[in-house]
């Protein structure tokens, strides 16, 4: 490769890094000031996708939102009548790249919630009951959504209106979630079903009736295993 091509390549990537850093939404920027709350040390990676209803969006501290994500409250950018806290994201969350969070009444995400890429969450859908009206013009009921602190949503998960996900729940990649999900559960599938639950003092028990039981481990034990300080836990 010629030195001139190497130089051009290096310059292009340096410029890209500069644009990504300069374009990020962080506290103190004009874009961050549009939000209802934009917490200390939080970071919305550049470039964002669609973002509107800013004043109804509240982001906690130390939260990372991936590039290409949609944060939306309302049906259009010029909507005036918005809920005061339409979309609330807690502290220390990680919202993976290209997520779509679209709220019309209430989506509440607790602290320490992590998303994979391409996760979709909405508190409203479309109706279909009127056969003479296009589906896209039929607005369905608004049903608040909540995702409990400490939960993890895998790549491509879809959370439907009315879903109430408990604390420290694992949502398998590609799952479609509706209804109420208890704390400390592993769910997967379309529609998502509870496949494993925590039995205090016993372990993580499969709901299939197979008797499959996985032990509970502390974070300290896992770190010690990875460091080779104790034998493998599995």
C-alpha atoms as a PDB file:
ATOM      1  CA  UNK A   1       0.000   0.000   0.000  1.00  0.00           C
ATOM      2  CA  UNK A   2       1.341   3.434  -0.933  1.00  0.00           C
ATOM      3  CA  UNK A   3       2.190   5.931   1.765  1.00  0.00           C
ATOM      4  CA  UNK A   4      -0.378   8.380   0.344  1.00  0.00           C
ATOM      5  CA  UNK A   5      -3.195   5.840   0.647  1.00  0.00           C
ATOM      6  CA  UNK A   6      -2.146   4.979   4.177  1.00  0.00           C
ATOM      7  CA  UNK A   7      -2.165   8.662   5.018  1.00  0.00           C
ATOM      8  CA  UNK A   8      -5.651   9.191   3.525  1.00  0.00           C
ATOM      9  CA  UNK A   9      -6.968   6.140   5.341  1.00  0.00           C
ATOM     10  CA  UNK A  10      -5.544   7.358   8.617  1.00  0.00           C
ATOM     11  CA  UNK A  11      -7.002  10.829   8.108  1.00  0.00           C
ATOM     12  CA  UNK A  12     -10.468   9.496   7.304  1.00  0.00           C
ATOM     13  CA  UNK A  13     -10.597   7.343  10.425  1.00  0.00           C
ATOM     14  CA  UNK A  14      -9.247  10.160  12.576  1.00  0.00           C
ATOM     15  CA  UNK A  15     -11.957  12.461  11.202  1.00  0.00           C
ATOM     16  CA  UNK A  16     -14.604   9.835  11.867  1.00  0.00           C
ATOM     17  CA  UNK A  17     -13.475   9.452  15.480  1.00  0.00           C
ATOM     18  CA  UNK A  18     -13.587  13.238  15.874  1.00  0.00           C
ATOM     19  CA  UNK A  19     -17.134  13.433  14.469  1.00  0.00           C
ATOM     20  CA  UNK A  20     -18.384  10.613  16.692  1.00  0.00           C
ATOM     21  CA  UNK A  21     -16.923  12.236  19.785  1.00  0.00           C
ATOM     22  CA  UNK A  22     -17.960  15.788  18.909  1.00  0.00           C
ATOM     23  CA  UNK A  23     -21.481  14.738  17.965  1.00  0.00           C
ATOM     24  CA  UNK A  24     -22.234  12.737  21.122  1.00  0.00           C
ATOM     25  CA  UNK A  25     -24.983  14.091  23.380  1.00  0.00           C
ATOM     26  CA  UNK A  26     -23.551  14.672  26.846  1.00  0.00           C
ATOM     27  CA  UNK A  27     -24.481  16.932  29.768  1.00  0.00           C
ATOM     28  CA  UNK A  28     -23.897  20.590  28.955  1.00  0.00           C
ATOM     29  CA  UNK A  29     -24.519  20.298  25.217  1.00  0.00           C
ATOM     30  CA  UNK A  30     -27.427  22.097  23.570  1.00  0.00           C
ATOM     31  CA  UNK A  31     -28.991  18.765  22.607  1.00  0.00           C
ATOM     32  CA  UNK A  32     -28.838  17.454  26.179  1.00  0.00           C
ATOM     33  CA  UNK A  33     -30.511  20.631  27.426  1.00  0.00           C
ATOM     34  CA  UNK A  34     -33.619  19.738  25.403  1.00  0.00           C
ATOM     35  CA  UNK A  35     -34.296  16.675  27.555  1.00  0.00           C
ATOM     36  CA  UNK A  36     -36.441  16.738  30.682  1.00  0.00           C
ATOM     37  CA  UNK A  37     -33.427  15.286  32.512  1.00  0.00           C
ATOM     38  CA  UNK A  38     -30.026  14.266  31.193  1.00  0.00           C
ATOM     39  CA  UNK A  39     -27.987  12.841  34.063  1.00  0.00           C
ATOM     40  CA  UNK A  40     -24.371  13.420  34.946  1.00  0.00           C
ATOM     41  CA  UNK A  41     -21.847  11.415  32.925  1.00  0.00           C
ATOM     42  CA  UNK A  42     -24.509   9.962  30.649  1.00  0.00           C
ATOM     43  CA  UNK A  43     -23.650   9.581  26.982  1.00  0.00           C
ATOM     44  CA  UNK A  44     -25.861   9.282  23.882  1.00  0.00           C
ATOM     45  CA  UNK A  45     -23.632   8.047  21.068  1.00  0.00           C
ATOM     46  CA  UNK A  46     -23.566   9.803  17.700  1.00  0.00           C
ATOM     47  CA  UNK A  47     -25.395   9.559  15.438  1.00  0.00           C
ATOM     48  CA  UNK A  48     -28.798   9.190  17.065  1.00  0.00           C
ATOM     49  CA  UNK A  49     -31.776   8.188  14.938  1.00  0.00           C
ATOM     50  CA  UNK A  50     -35.199   9.744  15.573  1.00  0.00           C
ATOM     51  CA  UNK A  51     -35.422  11.681  18.844  1.00  0.00           C
ATOM     52  CA  UNK A  52     -38.414  13.826  19.734  1.00  0.00           C
ATOM     53  CA  UNK A  53     -40.609  14.679  22.684  1.00  0.00           C
ATOM     54  CA  UNK A  54     -37.348  15.597  24.437  1.00  0.00           C
ATOM     55  CA  UNK A  55     -38.909  17.333  27.432  1.00  0.00           C
ATOM     56  CA  UNK A  56     -40.791  14.129  28.342  1.00  0.00           C
ATOM     57  CA  UNK A  57     -37.603  12.023  28.250  1.00  0.00           C
ATOM     58  CA  UNK A  58     -35.624  11.596  31.464  1.00  0.00           C
ATOM     59  CA  UNK A  59     -32.224   9.874  31.508  1.00  0.00           C
ATOM     60  CA  UNK A  60     -30.437   9.049  34.742  1.00  0.00           C
ATOM     61  CA  UNK A  61     -26.745   9.239  35.587  1.00  0.00           C
ATOM     62  CA  UNK A  62     -23.931   7.156  34.080  1.00  0.00           C
ATOM     63  CA  UNK A  63     -26.183   5.783  31.342  1.00  0.00           C
ATOM     64  CA  UNK A  64     -24.963   4.889  27.859  1.00  0.00           C
ATOM     65  CA  UNK A  65     -27.266   4.961  24.825  1.00  0.00           C
ATOM     66  CA  UNK A  66     -25.918   3.394  21.660  1.00  0.00           C
ATOM     67  CA  UNK A  67     -25.675   4.986  18.231  1.00  0.00           C
ATOM     68  CA  UNK A  68     -28.656   4.818  15.915  1.00  0.00           C
ATOM     69  CA  UNK A  69     -31.169   4.622  18.758  1.00  0.00           C
ATOM     70  CA  UNK A  70     -34.678   6.081  18.621  1.00  0.00           C
ATOM     71  CA  UNK A  71     -36.016   7.811  21.750  1.00  0.00           C
ATOM     72  CA  UNK A  72     -39.551   8.966  21.055  1.00  0.00           C
ATOM     73  CA  UNK A  73     -42.429  10.349  23.090  1.00  0.00           C
ATOM     74  CA  UNK A  74     -45.595  11.134  21.173  1.00  0.00           C
ATOM     75  CA  UNK A  75     -46.769  10.474  17.658  1.00  0.00           C
ATOM     76  CA  UNK A  76     -44.906  13.302  15.911  1.00  0.00           C
ATOM     77  CA  UNK A  77     -42.141  15.855  16.558  1.00  0.00           C
ATOM     78  CA  UNK A  78     -44.640  18.713  16.732  1.00  0.00           C
ATOM     79  CA  UNK A  79     -46.974  17.092  19.276  1.00  0.00           C
ATOM     80  CA  UNK A  80     -47.665  19.480  22.162  1.00  0.00           C
ATOM     81  CA  UNK A  81     -49.686  17.402  24.631  1.00  0.00           C
ATOM     82  CA  UNK A  82     -47.028  15.086  26.079  1.00  0.00           C
ATOM     83  CA  UNK A  83     -46.886  13.201  29.383  1.00  0.00           C
ATOM     84  CA  UNK A  84     -44.443  14.796  31.818  1.00  0.00           C
ATOM     85  CA  UNK A  85     -42.443  11.567  32.195  1.00  0.00           C
ATOM     86  CA  UNK A  86     -43.241   9.595  29.082  1.00  0.00           C
ATOM     87  CA  UNK A  87     -39.878   7.815  28.873  1.00  0.00           C
ATOM     88  CA  UNK A  88     -37.761   7.355  31.986  1.00  0.00           C
ATOM     89  CA  UNK A  89     -34.388   5.554  31.907  1.00  0.00           C
ATOM     90  CA  UNK A  90     -32.610   4.977  35.202  1.00  0.00           C
ATOM     91  CA  UNK A  91     -28.996   5.203  36.344  1.00  0.00           C
ATOM     92  CA  UNK A  92     -26.130   3.078  34.999  1.00  0.00           C
ATOM     93  CA  UNK A  93     -28.148   1.661  32.126  1.00  0.00           C
ATOM     94  CA  UNK A  94     -26.785   0.484  28.789  1.00  0.00           C
ATOM     95  CA  UNK A  95     -29.185   0.860  25.872  1.00  0.00           C
ATOM     96  CA  UNK A  96     -27.641  -1.034  22.961  1.00  0.00           C
ATOM     97  CA  UNK A  97     -27.198   0.447  19.510  1.00  0.00           C
ATOM     98  CA  UNK A  98     -30.234   0.867  17.267  1.00  0.00           C
ATOM     99  CA  UNK A  99     -32.742   0.474  20.090  1.00  0.00           C
ATOM    100  CA  UNK A 100     -36.233   1.901  19.622  1.00  0.00           C
ATOM    101  CA  UNK A 101     -38.100   3.205  22.667  1.00  0.00           C
ATOM    102  CA  UNK A 102     -41.403   4.769  21.690  1.00  0.00           C
ATOM    103  CA  UNK A 103     -43.680   6.037  24.458  1.00  0.00           C
ATOM    104  CA  UNK A 104     -47.109   7.624  24.415  1.00  0.00           C
ATOM    105  CA  UNK A 105     -48.031   7.341  28.095  1.00  0.00           C
ATOM    106  CA  UNK A 106     -45.269   5.694  30.135  1.00  0.00           C
ATOM    107  CA  UNK A 107     -42.186   3.553  29.653  1.00  0.00           C
ATOM    108  CA  UNK A 108     -40.130   3.238  32.835  1.00  0.00           C
ATOM    109  CA  UNK A 109     -36.743   1.505  32.869  1.00  0.00           C
ATOM    110  CA  UNK A 110     -35.099   0.939  36.251  1.00  0.00           C
ATOM    111  CA  UNK A 111     -31.457   1.247  37.247  1.00  0.00           C
ATOM    112  CA  UNK A 112     -28.693  -1.013  35.900  1.00  0.00           C
ATOM    113  CA  UNK A 113     -30.793  -2.309  33.002  1.00  0.00           C
ATOM    114  CA  UNK A 114     -28.803  -3.468  29.972  1.00  0.00           C
ATOM    115  CA  UNK A 115     -30.086  -3.922  26.431  1.00  0.00           C
ATOM    116  CA  UNK A 116     -28.471  -5.759  23.549  1.00  0.00           C
ATOM    117  CA  UNK A 117     -28.731  -4.276  20.057  1.00  0.00           C
ATOM    118  CA  UNK A 118     -31.985  -3.673  18.199  1.00  0.00           C
ATOM    119  CA  UNK A 119     -34.296  -3.908  21.210  1.00  0.00           C
ATOM    120  CA  UNK A 120     -37.801  -2.501  20.659  1.00  0.00           C
ATOM    121  CA  UNK A 121     -40.070  -1.234  23.459  1.00  0.00           C
ATOM    122  CA  UNK A 122     -43.458   0.475  23.023  1.00  0.00           C
ATOM    123  CA  UNK A 123     -46.438   1.258  25.221  1.00  0.00           C
ATOM    124  CA  UNK A 124     -48.944   1.484  22.335  1.00  0.00           C
ATOM    125  CA  UNK A 125     -49.737  -0.347  19.139  1.00  0.00           C
ATOM    126  CA  UNK A 126     -52.387  -0.212  16.404  1.00  0.00           C
ATOM    127  CA  UNK A 127     -55.949  -1.442  16.337  1.00  0.00           C
ATOM    128  CA  UNK A 128     -57.461  -3.497  13.542  1.00  0.00           C
ATOM    129  CA  UNK A 129     -61.141  -3.755  14.450  1.00  0.00           C
ATOM    130  CA  UNK A 130     -62.458  -1.298  11.836  1.00  0.00           C
ATOM    131  CA  UNK A 131     -62.242  -3.164   8.511  1.00  0.00           C
ATOM    132  CA  UNK A 132     -62.785   0.006   6.499  1.00  0.00           C
ATOM    133  CA  UNK A 133     -59.829   1.950   7.953  1.00  0.00           C
ATOM    134  CA  UNK A 134     -56.154   1.272   7.229  1.00  0.00           C
ATOM    135  CA  UNK A 135     -54.468  -0.387  10.204  1.00  0.00           C
ATOM    136  CA  UNK A 136     -51.874   2.377  10.430  1.00  0.00           C
ATOM    137  CA  UNK A 137     -54.637   4.917  11.065  1.00  0.00           C
ATOM    138  CA  UNK A 138     -56.198   2.930  13.907  1.00  0.00           C
ATOM    139  CA  UNK A 139     -54.536   3.836  17.198  1.00  0.00           C
ATOM    140  CA  UNK A 140     -54.583   1.151  19.866  1.00  0.00           C
ATOM    141  CA  UNK A 141     -54.836   1.635  23.637  1.00  0.00           C
ATOM    142  CA  UNK A 142     -51.884   3.028  25.603  1.00  0.00           C
ATOM    143  CA  UNK A 143     -50.598   0.539  28.150  1.00  0.00           C
ATOM    144  CA  UNK A 144     -47.675   1.531  30.421  1.00  0.00           C
ATOM    145  CA  UNK A 145     -44.511  -0.567  30.303  1.00  0.00           C
ATOM    146  CA  UNK A 146     -41.994  -1.082  33.095  1.00  0.00           C
ATOM    147  CA  UNK A 147     -38.656  -2.910  33.129  1.00  0.00           C
ATOM    148  CA  UNK A 148     -37.265  -3.647  36.577  1.00  0.00           C
ATOM    149  CA  UNK A 149     -33.813  -2.726  37.805  1.00  0.00           C
ATOM    150  CA  UNK A 150     -30.976  -5.104  37.038  1.00  0.00           C
ATOM    151  CA  UNK A 151     -32.636  -6.778  34.060  1.00  0.00           C
ATOM    152  CA  UNK A 152     -30.968  -7.790  30.800  1.00  0.00           C
ATOM    153  CA  UNK A 153     -32.722  -7.804  27.411  1.00  0.00           C
ATOM    154  CA  UNK A 154     -30.962  -9.751  24.677  1.00  0.00           C
ATOM    155  CA  UNK A 155     -30.439  -8.785  21.038  1.00  0.00           C
ATOM    156  CA  UNK A 156     -33.624  -8.068  19.125  1.00  0.00           C
ATOM    157  CA  UNK A 157     -36.028  -8.480  22.048  1.00  0.00           C
ATOM    158  CA  UNK A 158     -39.453  -6.882  21.616  1.00  0.00           C
ATOM    159  CA  UNK A 159     -41.404  -5.559  24.619  1.00  0.00           C
ATOM    160  CA  UNK A 160     -45.077  -5.045  23.868  1.00  0.00           C
ATOM    161  CA  UNK A 161     -47.539  -2.561  25.408  1.00  0.00           C
ATOM    162  CA  UNK A 162     -48.554  -3.423  28.954  1.00  0.00           C
ATOM    163  CA  UNK A 163     -45.490  -5.557  29.730  1.00  0.00           C
ATOM    164  CA  UNK A 164     -44.357  -5.410  33.360  1.00  0.00           C
ATOM    165  CA  UNK A 165     -40.907  -7.001  33.676  1.00  0.00           C
ATOM    166  CA  UNK A 166     -39.600  -7.603  37.181  1.00  0.00           C
ATOM    167  CA  UNK A 167     -36.150  -7.068  38.669  1.00  0.00           C
ATOM    168  CA  UNK A 168     -33.074  -9.023  37.548  1.00  0.00           C
ATOM    169  CA  UNK A 169     -34.890 -10.714  34.682  1.00  0.00           C
ATOM    170  CA  UNK A 170     -33.093 -12.229  31.684  1.00  0.00           C
ATOM    171  CA  UNK A 171     -34.969 -11.770  28.398  1.00  0.00           C
ATOM    172  CA  UNK A 172     -33.623 -14.089  25.717  1.00  0.00           C
ATOM    173  CA  UNK A 173     -32.548 -12.716  22.345  1.00  0.00           C
ATOM    174  CA  UNK A 174     -35.415 -12.332  19.913  1.00  0.00           C
ATOM    175  CA  UNK A 175     -38.099 -12.811  22.561  1.00  0.00           C
ATOM    176  CA  UNK A 176     -41.472 -11.076  22.358  1.00  0.00           C
ATOM    177  CA  UNK A 177     -42.580 -10.024  25.833  1.00  0.00           C
ATOM    178  CA  UNK A 178     -46.084  -9.260  27.028  1.00  0.00           C
ATOM    179  CA  UNK A 179     -47.838  -9.424  30.390  1.00  0.00           C
ATOM    180  CA  UNK A 180     -46.300  -9.599  33.866  1.00  0.00           C
ATOM    181  CA  UNK A 181     -42.912 -11.231  34.430  1.00  0.00           C
ATOM    182  CA  UNK A 182     -41.818 -12.009  38.017  1.00  0.00           C
ATOM    183  CA  UNK A 183     -38.510 -10.988  39.564  1.00  0.00           C
ATOM    184  CA  UNK A 184     -35.475 -13.256  39.061  1.00  0.00           C
ATOM    185  CA  UNK A 185     -36.765 -15.125  36.036  1.00  0.00           C
ATOM    186  CA  UNK A 186     -35.290 -16.209  32.709  1.00  0.00           C
ATOM    187  CA  UNK A 187     -37.731 -15.843  29.823  1.00  0.00           C
ATOM    188  CA  UNK A 188     -37.476 -16.715  26.153  1.00  0.00           C
ATOM    189  CA  UNK A 189     -39.568 -17.361  23.075  1.00  0.00           C
ATOM    190  CA  UNK A 190     -42.365 -15.922  20.969  1.00  0.00           C
ATOM    191  CA  UNK A 191     -44.368 -15.194  22.982  1.00  0.00           C
ATOM    192  CA  UNK A 192     -41.847 -15.200  25.824  1.00  0.00           C
ATOM    193  CA  UNK A 193     -42.421 -17.706  28.597  1.00  0.00           C
ATOM    194  CA  UNK A 194     -40.653 -18.220  31.910  1.00  0.00           C
ATOM    195  CA  UNK A 195     -38.107 -21.002  31.373  1.00  0.00           C
ATOM    196  CA  UNK A 196     -36.165 -20.741  34.629  1.00  0.00           C
ATOM    197  CA  UNK A 197     -36.896 -19.277  38.065  1.00  0.00           C
ATOM    198  CA  UNK A 198     -34.854 -18.645  41.178  1.00  0.00           C
ATOM    199  CA  UNK A 199     -35.656 -20.904  44.113  1.00  0.00           C
ATOM    200  CA  UNK A 200     -34.090 -19.139  47.118  1.00  0.00           C
ATOM    201  CA  UNK A 201     -31.516 -21.332  48.817  1.00  0.00           C
ATOM    202  CA  UNK A 202     -31.777 -23.933  46.048  1.00  0.00           C
ATOM    203  CA  UNK A 203     -30.796 -22.439  42.676  1.00  0.00           C
ATOM    204  CA  UNK A 204     -32.144 -21.649  39.226  1.00  0.00           C
ATOM    205  CA  UNK A 205     -34.788 -24.256  38.410  1.00  0.00           C
ATOM    206  CA  UNK A 206     -36.080 -25.001  34.923  1.00  0.00           C
ATOM    207  CA  UNK A 207     -39.854 -24.700  34.597  1.00  0.00           C
ATOM    208  CA  UNK A 208     -40.029 -27.566  32.084  1.00  0.00           C
ATOM    209  CA  UNK A 209     -40.392 -30.163  34.832  1.00  0.00           C
ATOM    210  CA  UNK A 210     -37.064 -31.757  33.854  1.00  0.00           C
ATOM    211  CA  UNK A 211     -35.593 -31.059  37.264  1.00  0.00           C
ATOM    212  CA  UNK A 212     -32.683 -29.186  35.661  1.00  0.00           C
ATOM    213  CA  UNK A 213     -31.154 -27.063  38.415  1.00  0.00           C
ATOM    214  CA  UNK A 214     -28.333 -24.568  38.096  1.00  0.00           C
ATOM    215  CA  UNK A 215     -26.543 -23.277  41.187  1.00  0.00           C
ATOM    216  CA  UNK A 216     -26.415 -19.662  42.220  1.00  0.00           C
ATOM    217  CA  UNK A 217     -23.030 -17.945  42.134  1.00  0.00           C
ATOM    218  CA  UNK A 218     -21.875 -14.680  43.579  1.00  0.00           C
ATOM    219  CA  UNK A 219     -20.108 -12.143  41.393  1.00  0.00           C
ATOM    220  CA  UNK A 220     -17.022 -12.617  43.552  1.00  0.00           C
ATOM    221  CA  UNK A 221     -17.042 -16.370  42.879  1.00  0.00           C
ATOM    222  CA  UNK A 222     -17.306 -15.845  39.115  1.00  0.00           C
ATOM    223  CA  UNK A 223     -14.450 -13.326  39.173  1.00  0.00           C
ATOM    224  CA  UNK A 224     -12.305 -15.735  41.181  1.00  0.00           C
ATOM    225  CA  UNK A 225     -13.068 -18.554  38.709  1.00  0.00           C
ATOM    226  CA  UNK A 226     -12.156 -16.389  35.718  1.00  0.00           C
ATOM    227  CA  UNK A 227      -8.910 -15.433  37.450  1.00  0.00           C
ATOM    228  CA  UNK A 228      -8.087 -19.129  37.989  1.00  0.00           C
ATOM    229  CA  UNK A 229      -8.197 -18.758  41.748  1.00  0.00           C
ATOM    230  CA  UNK A 230     -10.881 -21.444  42.212  1.00  0.00           C
ATOM    231  CA  UNK A 231     -11.983 -24.454  40.117  1.00  0.00           C
ATOM    232  CA  UNK A 232     -14.654 -23.942  37.403  1.00  0.00           C
ATOM    233  CA  UNK A 233     -18.148 -23.541  38.786  1.00  0.00           C
ATOM    234  CA  UNK A 234     -19.751 -25.528  35.970  1.00  0.00           C
END
